[in-house]
Amino acid sequence: MRKVTRRQLMNLLGACGVVGALSGLAIGLPALNHALPSERPVRDDRPYTIGGGVTVVPPPGARIDVTETRPAQDNGSVLFRLGPVRYLITVRQFDGTLQDAATRLRQRITGTSGYQVTGSELTITAVDGLEGRQGGYSGPGRGGRYAVFIADGHTIEVTVSGADLDLGHTLRVIDTSTRTLRYARERTE
């Protein structure tokens, strides 16, 4: 039988250390991720930057769902939750008309099995004059509202969904928040 050298023993201990560290990361990081809350409170007294120069003042009592919020320079999204009600705003680069954007959003909604657009589409205007289109939709056990705006090569899509009773309690504050949408044109010097 061969004798184990000090070098081999050190290599074995080093390999065990690497395996232990990787195992700790593989188990520890997901456990830490699950321990952190996915929703965080957000201030409702100042605008939240979504992306592409678009901001919105969150409704009172809203929480941000960090698992689905992606603020960015040119595009972005934010998911606010008011209890069980979802309030999602998405900003994307877009080259088309307001009618094109509204049609595209309606098609995405009705492309989900069981969902349909309800009622007529109306004009909506944000406080700084940003004009858009707004409508309603329904799905299995849920209702919702959508709005879409166009601002300098970007589409701003708003979707709200929840059970009818929950929506009845929150739509007023969500409508107020949606009307605070602003687009700030970037200045070049």
N, C-alpha and C. Protein backbone atom coordinates (compact mmCIF):
# COMPACT_ATOMS: atom_id res chain seq x y z
N MET A 1 0.83 -1.17 0.00
CA MET A 1 0.00 0.00 0.00
C MET A 1 0.88 1.24 0.00
N ARG A 2 0.47 2.23 -0.78
CA ARG A 2 1.24 3.47 -0.88
C ARG A 2 0.96 4.39 0.29
N LYS A 3 1.95 5.14 0.58
CA LYS A 3 1.84 6.11 1.65
C LYS A 3 1.28 7.42 1.08
N VAL A 4 0.34 8.06 1.78
CA VAL A 4 -0.24 9.33 1.35
C VAL A 4 0.73 10.44 1.72
N THR A 5 1.07 11.23 0.71
CA THR A 5 2.01 12.32 0.95
C THR A 5 1.27 13.54 1.48
N ARG A 6 2.05 14.41 2.03
CA ARG A 6 1.47 15.66 2.56
C ARG A 6 0.82 16.46 1.43
N ARG A 7 1.43 16.47 0.29
CA ARG A 7 0.89 17.21 -0.86
C ARG A 7 -0.47 16.66 -1.27
N GLN A 8 -0.60 15.34 -1.33
CA GLN A 8 -1.88 14.72 -1.69
C GLN A 8 -2.95 15.04 -0.66
N LEU A 9 -2.57 15.02 0.60
CA LEU A 9 -3.50 15.34 1.67
C LEU A 9 -3.97 16.79 1.56
N MET A 10 -3.06 17.71 1.25
CA MET A 10 -3.41 19.12 1.08
C MET A 10 -4.33 19.30 -0.14
N ASN A 11 -4.06 18.58 -1.22
CA ASN A 11 -4.92 18.64 -2.40
C ASN A 11 -6.33 18.14 -2.07
N LEU A 12 -6.40 17.05 -1.31
CA LEU A 12 -7.69 16.50 -0.92
C LEU A 12 -8.46 17.47 -0.04
N LEU A 13 -7.78 18.08 0.92
CA LEU A 13 -8.44 19.06 1.78
C LEU A 13 -8.89 20.29 0.98
N GLY A 14 -8.07 20.72 0.04
CA GLY A 14 -8.45 21.86 -0.81
C GLY A 14 -9.67 21.54 -1.66
N ALA A 15 -9.70 20.34 -2.25
CA ALA A 15 -10.85 19.93 -3.07
C ALA A 15 -12.11 19.85 -2.21
N CYS A 16 -11.99 19.30 -1.01
CA CYS A 16 -13.14 19.23 -0.10
C CYS A 16 -13.63 20.63 0.28
N GLY A 17 -12.70 21.54 0.47
CA GLY A 17 -13.07 22.92 0.78
C GLY A 17 -13.83 23.57 -0.36
N VAL A 18 -13.38 23.35 -1.60
CA VAL A 18 -14.06 23.90 -2.77
C VAL A 18 -15.46 23.31 -2.90
N VAL A 19 -15.58 22.00 -2.75
CA VAL A 19 -16.88 21.33 -2.82
C VAL A 19 -17.81 21.86 -1.72
N GLY A 20 -17.28 22.03 -0.52
CA GLY A 20 -18.08 22.57 0.59
C GLY A 20 -18.56 23.99 0.31
N ALA A 21 -17.67 24.83 -0.22
CA ALA A 21 -18.04 26.21 -0.53
C ALA A 21 -19.11 26.25 -1.61
N LEU A 22 -18.94 25.45 -2.68
CA LEU A 22 -19.95 25.41 -3.75
C LEU A 22 -21.28 24.88 -3.24
N SER A 23 -21.24 23.87 -2.39
CA SER A 23 -22.48 23.33 -1.81
C SER A 23 -23.17 24.38 -0.95
N GLY A 24 -22.39 25.10 -0.18
CA GLY A 24 -22.95 26.18 0.64
C GLY A 24 -23.63 27.24 -0.20
N LEU A 25 -22.99 27.60 -1.31
CA LEU A 25 -23.60 28.59 -2.21
C LEU A 25 -24.85 28.03 -2.88
N ALA A 26 -24.79 26.78 -3.32
CA ALA A 26 -25.93 26.17 -4.02
C ALA A 26 -27.14 26.04 -3.10
N ILE A 27 -26.92 25.81 -1.84
CA ILE A 27 -28.03 25.65 -0.90
C ILE A 27 -28.35 26.98 -0.21
N GLY A 28 -27.34 27.71 0.17
CA GLY A 28 -27.52 28.94 0.94
C GLY A 28 -28.14 30.10 0.18
N LEU A 29 -27.69 30.33 -1.06
CA LEU A 29 -28.24 31.46 -1.82
C LEU A 29 -29.72 31.31 -2.14
N PRO A 30 -30.18 30.14 -2.62
CA PRO A 30 -31.63 30.00 -2.82
C PRO A 30 -32.42 30.14 -1.52
N ALA A 31 -31.89 29.61 -0.42
CA ALA A 31 -32.58 29.74 0.87
C ALA A 31 -32.67 31.21 1.28
N LEU A 32 -31.60 31.95 1.08
CA LEU A 32 -31.61 33.38 1.37
C LEU A 32 -32.61 34.12 0.47
N ASN A 33 -32.64 33.76 -0.80
CA ASN A 33 -33.57 34.37 -1.74
C ASN A 33 -35.02 34.14 -1.32
N HIS A 34 -35.34 32.94 -0.89
CA HIS A 34 -36.70 32.63 -0.45
C HIS A 34 -37.04 33.31 0.86
N ALA A 35 -36.05 33.61 1.67
CA ALA A 35 -36.29 34.25 2.96
C ALA A 35 -36.60 35.74 2.80
N LEU A 36 -36.15 36.35 1.70
CA LEU A 36 -36.40 37.77 1.48
C LEU A 36 -37.80 37.96 0.90
N PRO A 37 -38.54 38.99 1.32
CA PRO A 37 -39.88 39.20 0.79
C PRO A 37 -39.84 39.67 -0.66
N SER A 38 -40.81 39.21 -1.46
CA SER A 38 -40.86 39.61 -2.87
C SER A 38 -41.56 40.96 -3.04
N GLU A 39 -42.27 41.40 -2.02
CA GLU A 39 -42.95 42.69 -2.10
C GLU A 39 -42.33 43.65 -1.09
N ARG A 40 -42.18 44.89 -1.55
CA ARG A 40 -41.60 45.91 -0.69
C ARG A 40 -42.47 47.16 -0.74
N PRO A 41 -42.56 47.88 0.37
CA PRO A 41 -43.35 49.13 0.34
C PRO A 41 -42.72 50.15 -0.59
N VAL A 42 -43.54 51.04 -1.11
CA VAL A 42 -43.05 52.09 -1.99
C VAL A 42 -43.68 53.41 -1.55
N ARG A 43 -42.92 54.46 -1.66
CA ARG A 43 -43.44 55.78 -1.27
C ARG A 43 -44.47 56.24 -2.29
N ASP A 44 -45.54 56.82 -1.79
CA ASP A 44 -46.60 57.32 -2.68
C ASP A 44 -46.60 58.85 -2.76
N ASP A 45 -45.52 59.46 -2.31
CA ASP A 45 -45.46 60.92 -2.34
C ASP A 45 -44.45 61.46 -3.36
N ARG A 46 -43.90 60.57 -4.18
CA ARG A 46 -42.99 61.02 -5.23
C ARG A 46 -43.03 60.04 -6.40
N PRO A 47 -42.68 60.51 -7.60
CA PRO A 47 -42.75 59.65 -8.78
C PRO A 47 -41.75 58.50 -8.73
N TYR A 48 -42.17 57.38 -9.28
CA TYR A 48 -41.32 56.20 -9.43
C TYR A 48 -40.90 56.14 -10.89
N THR A 49 -39.60 56.02 -11.16
CA THR A 49 -39.08 55.96 -12.52
C THR A 49 -39.19 54.53 -13.04
N ILE A 50 -39.87 54.39 -14.20
CA ILE A 50 -40.07 53.07 -14.79
C ILE A 50 -39.01 52.80 -15.86
N GLY A 51 -38.83 53.74 -16.77
CA GLY A 51 -37.87 53.59 -17.86
C GLY A 51 -38.32 54.41 -19.05
N GLY A 52 -37.41 54.70 -19.96
CA GLY A 52 -37.75 55.46 -21.15
C GLY A 52 -38.24 56.87 -20.86
N GLY A 53 -37.86 57.41 -19.71
CA GLY A 53 -38.30 58.76 -19.34
C GLY A 53 -39.69 58.80 -18.73
N VAL A 54 -40.27 57.66 -18.39
CA VAL A 54 -41.63 57.59 -17.86
C VAL A 54 -41.60 57.41 -16.35
N THR A 55 -42.43 58.20 -15.66
CA THR A 55 -42.60 58.08 -14.21
C THR A 55 -44.08 57.98 -13.88
N VAL A 56 -44.37 57.49 -12.68
CA VAL A 56 -45.74 57.41 -12.16
C VAL A 56 -45.67 57.57 -10.65
N VAL A 57 -46.70 58.18 -10.09
CA VAL A 57 -46.81 58.26 -8.63
C VAL A 57 -47.62 57.03 -8.20
N PRO A 58 -47.04 56.15 -7.38
CA PRO A 58 -47.75 54.94 -6.96
C PRO A 58 -48.98 55.28 -6.13
N PRO A 59 -49.98 54.40 -6.16
CA PRO A 59 -51.16 54.63 -5.33
C PRO A 59 -50.84 54.40 -3.86
N PRO A 60 -51.58 55.06 -2.97
CA PRO A 60 -51.36 54.84 -1.53
C PRO A 60 -51.56 53.37 -1.17
N GLY A 61 -50.66 52.85 -0.34
CA GLY A 61 -50.76 51.47 0.11
C GLY A 61 -50.19 50.45 -0.84
N ALA A 62 -49.66 50.89 -1.97
CA ALA A 62 -49.11 49.94 -2.95
C ALA A 62 -47.78 49.39 -2.47
N ARG A 63 -47.50 48.19 -2.92
CA ARG A 63 -46.20 47.55 -2.67
C ARG A 63 -45.64 47.14 -4.03
N ILE A 64 -44.32 47.22 -4.17
CA ILE A 64 -43.68 46.80 -5.42
C ILE A 64 -43.35 45.32 -5.32
N ASP A 65 -43.69 44.58 -6.36
CA ASP A 65 -43.30 43.18 -6.47
C ASP A 65 -41.96 43.15 -7.20
N VAL A 66 -40.89 42.92 -6.46
CA VAL A 66 -39.55 43.00 -7.03
C VAL A 66 -39.24 41.85 -7.98
N THR A 67 -40.04 40.79 -7.94
CA THR A 67 -39.80 39.67 -8.85
C THR A 67 -40.22 40.00 -10.28
N GLU A 68 -41.08 40.99 -10.45
CA GLU A 68 -41.55 41.34 -11.79
C GLU A 68 -41.33 42.81 -12.16
N THR A 69 -40.55 43.51 -11.36
CA THR A 69 -40.24 44.92 -11.63
C THR A 69 -38.86 45.01 -12.23
N ARG A 70 -38.76 45.69 -13.38
CA ARG A 70 -37.49 45.84 -14.08
C ARG A 70 -37.33 47.26 -14.60
N PRO A 71 -36.99 48.22 -13.73
CA PRO A 71 -36.74 49.57 -14.25
C PRO A 71 -35.46 49.56 -15.08
N ALA A 72 -35.44 50.34 -16.15
CA ALA A 72 -34.27 50.39 -17.02
C ALA A 72 -34.21 51.74 -17.72
N GLN A 73 -33.15 51.95 -18.48
CA GLN A 73 -32.93 53.22 -19.17
C GLN A 73 -33.96 53.48 -20.26
N ASP A 74 -34.11 52.56 -21.22
CA ASP A 74 -35.00 52.78 -22.37
C ASP A 74 -36.34 52.08 -22.24
N ASN A 75 -36.38 50.94 -21.60
CA ASN A 75 -37.59 50.16 -21.40
C ASN A 75 -37.67 49.84 -19.92
N GLY A 76 -38.82 49.41 -19.47
CA GLY A 76 -38.91 49.01 -18.07
C GLY A 76 -40.31 48.59 -17.71
N SER A 77 -40.43 48.03 -16.51
CA SER A 77 -41.74 47.65 -16.02
C SER A 77 -41.75 47.74 -14.51
N VAL A 78 -42.93 47.97 -13.97
CA VAL A 78 -43.12 47.97 -12.52
C VAL A 78 -44.45 47.29 -12.23
N LEU A 79 -44.43 46.39 -11.25
CA LEU A 79 -45.65 45.74 -10.80
C LEU A 79 -45.93 46.19 -9.38
N PHE A 80 -47.02 46.93 -9.24
CA PHE A 80 -47.50 47.32 -7.92
C PHE A 80 -48.59 46.33 -7.52
N ARG A 81 -48.66 46.05 -6.24
CA ARG A 81 -49.74 45.22 -5.71
C ARG A 81 -50.48 46.02 -4.64
N LEU A 82 -51.78 45.98 -4.74
CA LEU A 82 -52.64 46.56 -3.72
C LEU A 82 -53.50 45.40 -3.21
N GLY A 83 -53.00 44.73 -2.19
CA GLY A 83 -53.64 43.48 -1.76
C GLY A 83 -53.53 42.49 -2.90
N PRO A 84 -54.66 41.87 -3.30
CA PRO A 84 -54.62 40.90 -4.38
C PRO A 84 -54.71 41.51 -5.79
N VAL A 85 -54.78 42.82 -5.89
CA VAL A 85 -54.90 43.49 -7.19
C VAL A 85 -53.52 43.78 -7.76
N ARG A 86 -53.33 43.41 -9.04
CA ARG A 86 -52.08 43.66 -9.77
C ARG A 86 -52.23 44.92 -10.61
N TYR A 87 -51.24 45.81 -10.54
CA TYR A 87 -51.21 47.06 -11.30
C TYR A 87 -49.85 47.11 -11.98
N LEU A 88 -49.82 46.73 -13.27
CA LEU A 88 -48.56 46.59 -14.02
C LEU A 88 -48.45 47.71 -15.05
N ILE A 89 -47.29 48.36 -15.07
CA ILE A 89 -47.00 49.39 -16.09
C ILE A 89 -45.73 48.95 -16.81
N THR A 90 -45.82 48.89 -18.14
CA THR A 90 -44.69 48.47 -18.95
C THR A 90 -44.39 49.54 -19.99
N VAL A 91 -43.13 49.91 -20.11
CA VAL A 91 -42.67 50.88 -21.11
C VAL A 91 -41.77 50.15 -22.08
N ARG A 92 -42.10 50.25 -23.38
CA ARG A 92 -41.30 49.60 -24.41
C ARG A 92 -41.09 50.57 -25.57
N GLN A 93 -40.01 50.36 -26.29
CA GLN A 93 -39.81 51.12 -27.51
C GLN A 93 -40.85 50.68 -28.51
N PHE A 94 -41.40 51.63 -29.26
CA PHE A 94 -42.51 51.32 -30.16
C PHE A 94 -42.53 52.34 -31.28
N ASP A 95 -42.71 51.84 -32.49
CA ASP A 95 -42.80 52.71 -33.66
C ASP A 95 -44.16 52.48 -34.30
N GLY A 96 -45.15 53.23 -33.87
CA GLY A 96 -46.49 53.08 -34.40
C GLY A 96 -47.42 54.11 -33.80
N THR A 97 -48.68 53.99 -34.14
CA THR A 97 -49.69 54.94 -33.66
C THR A 97 -50.30 54.46 -32.35
N LEU A 98 -51.06 55.33 -31.72
CA LEU A 98 -51.78 54.97 -30.51
C LEU A 98 -52.76 53.84 -30.81
N GLN A 99 -53.43 53.91 -31.95
CA GLN A 99 -54.37 52.85 -32.33
C GLN A 99 -53.65 51.52 -32.51
N ASP A 100 -52.46 51.54 -33.12
CA ASP A 100 -51.66 50.31 -33.27
C ASP A 100 -51.31 49.72 -31.90
N ALA A 101 -50.91 50.59 -30.98
CA ALA A 101 -50.53 50.14 -29.64
C ALA A 101 -51.72 49.55 -28.89
N ALA A 102 -52.89 50.20 -29.03
CA ALA A 102 -54.10 49.70 -28.37
C ALA A 102 -54.50 48.34 -28.94
N THR A 103 -54.42 48.20 -30.25
CA THR A 103 -54.75 46.93 -30.90
C THR A 103 -53.82 45.83 -30.43
N ARG A 104 -52.53 46.13 -30.36
CA ARG A 104 -51.54 45.14 -29.92
C ARG A 104 -51.80 44.69 -28.48
N LEU A 105 -52.13 45.63 -27.59
CA LEU A 105 -52.40 45.29 -26.20
C LEU A 105 -53.68 44.46 -26.08
N ARG A 106 -54.72 44.85 -26.80
CA ARG A 106 -55.97 44.07 -26.78
C ARG A 106 -55.72 42.64 -27.28
N GLN A 107 -54.90 42.49 -28.32
CA GLN A 107 -54.60 41.16 -28.85
C GLN A 107 -53.84 40.31 -27.83
N ARG A 108 -52.93 40.92 -27.09
CA ARG A 108 -52.21 40.18 -26.05
C ARG A 108 -53.16 39.74 -24.94
N ILE A 109 -54.11 40.61 -24.58
CA ILE A 109 -55.08 40.25 -23.54
C ILE A 109 -55.96 39.10 -24.01
N THR A 110 -56.53 39.22 -25.21
CA THR A 110 -57.43 38.19 -25.71
C THR A 110 -56.68 36.93 -26.14
N GLY A 111 -55.39 37.00 -26.26
CA GLY A 111 -54.58 35.82 -26.58
C GLY A 111 -54.43 34.88 -25.40
N THR A 112 -54.81 35.34 -24.22
CA THR A 112 -54.79 34.50 -23.03
C THR A 112 -56.12 33.76 -22.97
N SER A 113 -56.06 32.46 -22.85
CA SER A 113 -57.26 31.62 -22.87
C SER A 113 -58.31 32.10 -21.86
N GLY A 114 -59.52 32.34 -22.35
CA GLY A 114 -60.64 32.73 -21.51
C GLY A 114 -60.78 34.22 -21.29
N TYR A 115 -59.85 35.03 -21.77
CA TYR A 115 -59.90 36.48 -21.56
C TYR A 115 -60.54 37.15 -22.77
N GLN A 116 -61.33 38.19 -22.49
CA GLN A 116 -61.97 38.96 -23.56
C GLN A 116 -62.05 40.42 -23.18
N VAL A 117 -61.99 41.27 -24.18
CA VAL A 117 -62.14 42.71 -23.98
C VAL A 117 -63.63 42.98 -23.83
N THR A 118 -64.00 43.83 -22.88
CA THR A 118 -65.41 44.14 -22.63
C THR A 118 -65.66 45.64 -22.79
N GLY A 119 -66.85 45.99 -23.25
CA GLY A 119 -67.22 47.40 -23.35
C GLY A 119 -66.45 48.13 -24.43
N SER A 120 -66.61 49.43 -24.42
CA SER A 120 -65.94 50.25 -25.44
C SER A 120 -64.67 50.88 -24.88
N GLU A 121 -63.83 51.29 -25.79
CA GLU A 121 -62.57 51.92 -25.42
C GLU A 121 -62.80 53.43 -25.32
N LEU A 122 -62.21 54.05 -24.31
CA LEU A 122 -62.38 55.48 -24.06
C LEU A 122 -61.04 56.19 -24.08
N THR A 123 -61.07 57.49 -24.28
CA THR A 123 -59.86 58.31 -24.21
C THR A 123 -59.56 58.59 -22.74
N ILE A 124 -58.27 58.55 -22.40
CA ILE A 124 -57.81 58.88 -21.06
C ILE A 124 -56.68 59.89 -21.21
N THR A 125 -56.64 60.86 -20.32
CA THR A 125 -55.60 61.89 -20.37
C THR A 125 -54.92 61.98 -19.01
N ALA A 126 -53.59 61.89 -19.02
CA ALA A 126 -52.81 62.06 -17.79
C ALA A 126 -52.72 63.55 -17.45
N VAL A 127 -52.29 63.86 -16.24
CA VAL A 127 -52.29 65.25 -15.76
C VAL A 127 -51.44 66.19 -16.59
N ASP A 128 -50.39 65.70 -17.24
CA ASP A 128 -49.55 66.60 -18.03
C ASP A 128 -49.92 66.58 -19.52
N GLY A 129 -51.09 65.99 -19.86
CA GLY A 129 -51.56 66.03 -21.23
C GLY A 129 -51.29 64.79 -22.06
N LEU A 130 -50.62 63.81 -21.52
CA LEU A 130 -50.35 62.56 -22.22
C LEU A 130 -51.69 61.87 -22.48
N GLU A 131 -52.01 61.63 -23.77
CA GLU A 131 -53.30 61.02 -24.11
C GLU A 131 -53.15 59.56 -24.45
N GLY A 132 -54.18 58.79 -24.09
CA GLY A 132 -54.16 57.36 -24.35
C GLY A 132 -55.56 56.81 -24.53
N ARG A 133 -55.61 55.49 -24.58
CA ARG A 133 -56.88 54.77 -24.73
C ARG A 133 -57.01 53.81 -23.55
N GLN A 134 -58.25 53.63 -23.09
CA GLN A 134 -58.51 52.80 -21.92
C GLN A 134 -59.72 51.91 -22.16
N GLY A 135 -59.67 50.69 -21.66
CA GLY A 135 -60.79 49.77 -21.80
C GLY A 135 -60.79 48.76 -20.68
N GLY A 136 -61.73 47.82 -20.75
CA GLY A 136 -61.85 46.80 -19.73
C GLY A 136 -61.75 45.42 -20.33
N TYR A 137 -61.49 44.44 -19.49
CA TYR A 137 -61.44 43.06 -19.93
C TYR A 137 -61.86 42.16 -18.79
N SER A 138 -62.19 40.92 -19.12
CA SER A 138 -62.56 39.94 -18.10
C SER A 138 -61.93 38.61 -18.44
N GLY A 139 -61.77 37.81 -17.42
CA GLY A 139 -61.22 36.47 -17.58
C GLY A 139 -61.80 35.58 -16.51
N PRO A 140 -61.36 34.35 -16.46
CA PRO A 140 -61.89 33.41 -15.48
C PRO A 140 -61.67 33.89 -14.03
N GLY A 141 -62.75 34.32 -13.39
CA GLY A 141 -62.69 34.76 -11.99
C GLY A 141 -62.00 36.09 -11.77
N ARG A 142 -61.70 36.80 -12.83
CA ARG A 142 -60.98 38.08 -12.71
C ARG A 142 -61.56 39.10 -13.67
N GLY A 143 -61.37 40.33 -13.32
CA GLY A 143 -61.70 41.42 -14.21
C GLY A 143 -60.47 42.29 -14.34
N GLY A 144 -60.58 43.27 -15.20
CA GLY A 144 -59.42 44.13 -15.33
C GLY A 144 -59.69 45.35 -16.18
N ARG A 145 -58.69 46.18 -16.22
CA ARG A 145 -58.72 47.39 -17.02
C ARG A 145 -57.36 47.53 -17.66
N TYR A 146 -57.35 48.12 -18.84
CA TYR A 146 -56.09 48.38 -19.52
C TYR A 146 -56.08 49.81 -20.01
N ALA A 147 -54.90 50.34 -20.19
CA ALA A 147 -54.72 51.66 -20.80
C ALA A 147 -53.41 51.62 -21.56
N VAL A 148 -53.33 52.43 -22.61
CA VAL A 148 -52.11 52.48 -23.40
C VAL A 148 -51.89 53.93 -23.84
N PHE A 149 -50.64 54.35 -23.78
CA PHE A 149 -50.23 55.70 -24.16
C PHE A 149 -49.03 55.57 -25.11
N ILE A 150 -48.81 56.60 -25.92
CA ILE A 150 -47.64 56.67 -26.78
C ILE A 150 -46.87 57.94 -26.41
N ALA A 151 -45.55 57.81 -26.29
CA ALA A 151 -44.72 58.97 -25.96
C ALA A 151 -43.36 58.82 -26.65
N ASP A 152 -43.13 59.59 -27.69
CA ASP A 152 -41.83 59.71 -28.33
C ASP A 152 -41.13 58.37 -28.55
N GLY A 153 -41.76 57.49 -29.33
CA GLY A 153 -41.14 56.22 -29.66
C GLY A 153 -41.27 55.15 -28.59
N HIS A 154 -42.13 55.37 -27.63
CA HIS A 154 -42.37 54.39 -26.56
C HIS A 154 -43.87 54.16 -26.40
N THR A 155 -44.22 52.96 -26.04
CA THR A 155 -45.59 52.68 -25.63
C THR A 155 -45.59 52.46 -24.12
N ILE A 156 -46.60 53.00 -23.48
CA ILE A 156 -46.77 52.83 -22.04
C ILE A 156 -48.05 52.03 -21.86
N GLU A 157 -47.91 50.80 -21.40
CA GLU A 157 -49.06 49.90 -21.25
C GLU A 157 -49.37 49.71 -19.77
N VAL A 158 -50.63 49.86 -19.42
CA VAL A 158 -51.09 49.69 -18.05
C VAL A 158 -52.11 48.56 -18.05
N THR A 159 -51.91 47.57 -17.19
CA THR A 159 -52.92 46.53 -17.01
C THR A 159 -53.18 46.37 -15.51
N VAL A 160 -54.44 46.28 -15.18
CA VAL A 160 -54.89 46.12 -13.80
C VAL A 160 -55.77 44.88 -13.77
N SER A 161 -55.55 44.00 -12.81
CA SER A 161 -56.39 42.80 -12.73
C SER A 161 -56.60 42.39 -11.30
N GLY A 162 -57.77 41.79 -11.08
CA GLY A 162 -58.13 41.29 -9.76
C GLY A 162 -59.56 40.81 -9.76
N ALA A 163 -59.98 40.24 -8.65
CA ALA A 163 -61.37 39.83 -8.50
C ALA A 163 -62.25 41.09 -8.48
N ASP A 164 -63.47 40.97 -8.96
CA ASP A 164 -64.36 42.14 -9.08
C ASP A 164 -64.49 42.92 -7.78
N LEU A 165 -64.67 42.24 -6.66
CA LEU A 165 -64.82 42.92 -5.39
C LEU A 165 -63.55 43.69 -5.02
N ASP A 166 -62.39 43.07 -5.22
CA ASP A 166 -61.12 43.74 -4.92
C ASP A 166 -60.91 44.94 -5.83
N LEU A 167 -61.24 44.80 -7.11
CA LEU A 167 -61.10 45.92 -8.05
C LEU A 167 -61.98 47.09 -7.65
N GLY A 168 -63.19 46.79 -7.19
CA GLY A 168 -64.10 47.85 -6.77
C GLY A 168 -63.53 48.72 -5.68
N HIS A 169 -62.71 48.12 -4.81
CA HIS A 169 -62.11 48.87 -3.70
C HIS A 169 -60.88 49.66 -4.11
N THR A 170 -60.24 49.30 -5.22
CA THR A 170 -58.94 49.90 -5.55
C THR A 170 -58.90 50.69 -6.87
N LEU A 171 -59.88 50.54 -7.74
CA LEU A 171 -59.79 51.18 -9.05
C LEU A 171 -59.67 52.70 -8.97
N ARG A 172 -60.33 53.31 -8.01
CA ARG A 172 -60.26 54.77 -7.91
C ARG A 172 -58.83 55.25 -7.67
N VAL A 173 -58.10 54.62 -6.74
CA VAL A 173 -56.73 55.06 -6.46
C VAL A 173 -55.78 54.67 -7.60
N ILE A 174 -56.08 53.55 -8.28
CA ILE A 174 -55.25 53.16 -9.42
C ILE A 174 -55.47 54.12 -10.59
N ASP A 175 -56.72 54.52 -10.83
CA ASP A 175 -57.00 55.51 -11.88
C ASP A 175 -56.27 56.82 -11.59
N THR A 176 -56.30 57.24 -10.34
CA THR A 176 -55.59 58.47 -9.96
C THR A 176 -54.10 58.33 -10.23
N SER A 177 -53.53 57.17 -9.88
CA SER A 177 -52.11 56.93 -10.13
C SER A 177 -51.81 56.92 -11.63
N THR A 178 -52.64 56.25 -12.41
CA THR A 178 -52.42 56.16 -13.86
C THR A 178 -52.41 57.56 -14.48
N ARG A 179 -53.23 58.43 -13.98
CA ARG A 179 -53.27 59.80 -14.52
C ARG A 179 -52.04 60.62 -14.16
N THR A 180 -51.17 60.09 -13.27
CA THR A 180 -49.92 60.79 -12.95
C THR A 180 -48.77 60.38 -13.86
N LEU A 181 -49.04 59.48 -14.81
CA LEU A 181 -47.98 59.08 -15.75
C LEU A 181 -47.41 60.32 -16.44
N ARG A 182 -46.09 60.40 -16.46
CA ARG A 182 -45.41 61.51 -17.13
C ARG A 182 -44.30 60.97 -17.99
N TYR A 183 -44.11 61.66 -19.09
CA TYR A 183 -42.98 61.37 -19.97
C TYR A 183 -42.09 62.60 -19.97
N ALA A 184 -40.84 62.43 -19.58
CA ALA A 184 -39.88 63.54 -19.57
C ALA A 184 -38.90 63.33 -20.72
N ARG A 185 -39.02 64.15 -21.72
CA ARG A 185 -38.13 64.06 -22.87
C ARG A 185 -36.70 64.33 -22.42
N GLU A 186 -35.77 63.46 -22.84
CA GLU A 186 -34.37 63.66 -22.48
C GLU A 186 -33.83 64.88 -23.19
N ARG A 187 -33.02 65.63 -22.48
CA ARG A 187 -32.42 66.84 -23.05
C ARG A 187 -31.04 66.53 -23.59
N THR A 188 -30.78 66.97 -24.80
CA THR A 188 -29.44 66.82 -25.37
C THR A 188 -28.83 68.21 -25.51
N GLU A 189 -27.58 68.29 -25.14
CA GLU A 189 -26.93 69.62 -25.19
C GLU A 189 -25.79 69.60 -26.13
